[in-house]
């Protein structure tokens, strides 16, 4: 039986957290890339869930986006430019 897992999404931080890629700070209210892989996934060799929370700068730098999250990140960037 295979289970569907939403592997990547852009979220807004409710509290301060650390980026798992570069250990930079993700402040409350900022957007970040949330990605998970279950224990049975090809990229995860351990018996535990693999979870990353990467700031959008690191996600772009290290190529962690898929097509959907890339579009969301670009839309968020354009919306922030209009506000700022």
Protein backbone atom coordinates (compact mmCIF):
# COMPACT_ATOMS: atom_id res chain seq x y z
CA UNK A 1 0.00 0.00 0.00
CA UNK A 2 1.49 3.32 -1.04
CA UNK A 3 0.64 6.51 0.78
CA UNK A 4 0.57 9.98 -0.75
CA UNK A 5 2.79 12.44 1.07
CA UNK A 6 2.88 16.17 0.31
CA UNK A 7 6.63 16.27 0.04
CA UNK A 8 7.21 20.01 -0.41
CA UNK A 9 5.35 23.16 0.47
CA UNK A 10 6.04 26.79 1.20
CA UNK A 11 4.95 27.72 4.70
CA UNK A 12 4.93 30.83 6.86
CA UNK A 13 6.87 30.45 10.13
CA UNK A 14 4.80 30.91 13.29
CA UNK A 15 7.93 31.07 15.44
CA UNK A 16 11.65 31.61 14.92
CA UNK A 17 13.47 28.55 13.61
CA UNK A 18 16.78 27.52 12.05
CA UNK A 19 17.31 26.68 8.40
CA UNK A 20 18.45 23.06 8.19
CA UNK A 21 20.69 23.77 5.18
CA UNK A 22 22.86 26.66 6.37
CA UNK A 23 21.67 27.20 9.96
CA UNK A 24 20.61 30.76 9.18
CA UNK A 25 17.64 32.21 11.03
CA UNK A 26 14.05 32.00 9.75
CA UNK A 27 12.12 34.70 11.60
CA UNK A 28 8.48 34.38 12.59
CA UNK A 29 6.34 35.55 9.68
CA UNK A 30 8.88 34.69 6.98
CA UNK A 31 8.23 32.04 4.35
CA UNK A 32 10.32 28.87 4.17
CA UNK A 33 10.41 25.60 2.25
CA UNK A 34 9.12 22.63 4.24
CA UNK A 35 10.02 19.23 2.84
CA UNK A 36 9.51 15.72 4.17
CA UNK A 37 10.39 12.19 3.09
CA UNK A 38 8.88 9.17 4.85
CA UNK A 39 11.00 6.23 6.05
CA UNK A 40 10.03 4.16 3.00
CA UNK A 41 11.14 6.82 0.48
CA UNK A 42 14.09 6.20 -1.87
CA UNK A 43 16.17 9.15 -0.61
CA UNK A 44 15.73 8.25 3.07
CA UNK A 45 17.76 5.29 4.33
CA UNK A 46 16.87 5.64 8.01
CA UNK A 47 13.76 4.37 9.73
CA UNK A 48 12.67 7.89 10.64
CA UNK A 49 10.94 10.73 8.83
CA UNK A 50 13.35 13.10 7.09
CA UNK A 51 12.26 16.73 7.53
CA UNK A 52 13.91 19.92 6.32
CA UNK A 53 12.95 23.54 6.82
CA UNK A 54 15.02 25.71 4.47
CA UNK A 55 14.79 29.47 4.11
CA UNK A 56 13.89 30.53 0.58
CA UNK A 57 17.41 31.87 -0.06
CA UNK A 58 19.02 28.52 0.78
CA UNK A 59 16.32 26.58 -1.09
CA UNK A 60 17.13 28.58 -4.21
CA UNK A 61 20.91 28.36 -3.67
CA UNK A 62 20.89 24.57 -3.21
CA UNK A 63 18.21 23.79 -5.81
CA UNK A 64 15.65 22.36 -3.40
CA UNK A 65 12.56 23.71 -5.19
CA UNK A 66 10.34 21.68 -7.47
CA UNK A 67 8.22 23.38 -10.17
CA UNK A 68 5.28 24.06 -7.86
CA UNK A 69 7.26 25.57 -4.99
CA UNK A 70 9.40 27.58 -7.41
CA UNK A 71 6.26 29.27 -8.78
CA UNK A 72 4.99 29.93 -5.26
CA UNK A 73 8.34 31.43 -4.22
CA UNK A 74 8.39 33.71 -7.28
CA UNK A 75 4.83 34.87 -6.54
CA UNK A 76 5.74 35.58 -2.92
CA UNK A 77 8.82 37.52 -4.04
CA UNK A 78 6.76 39.66 -6.39
CA UNK A 79 4.13 40.27 -3.69
CA UNK A 80 6.82 41.36 -1.22
CA UNK A 81 8.34 43.74 -3.80
CA UNK A 82 4.94 45.40 -4.27
CA UNK A 83 4.48 45.79 -0.49
CA UNK A 84 8.04 47.02 0.11
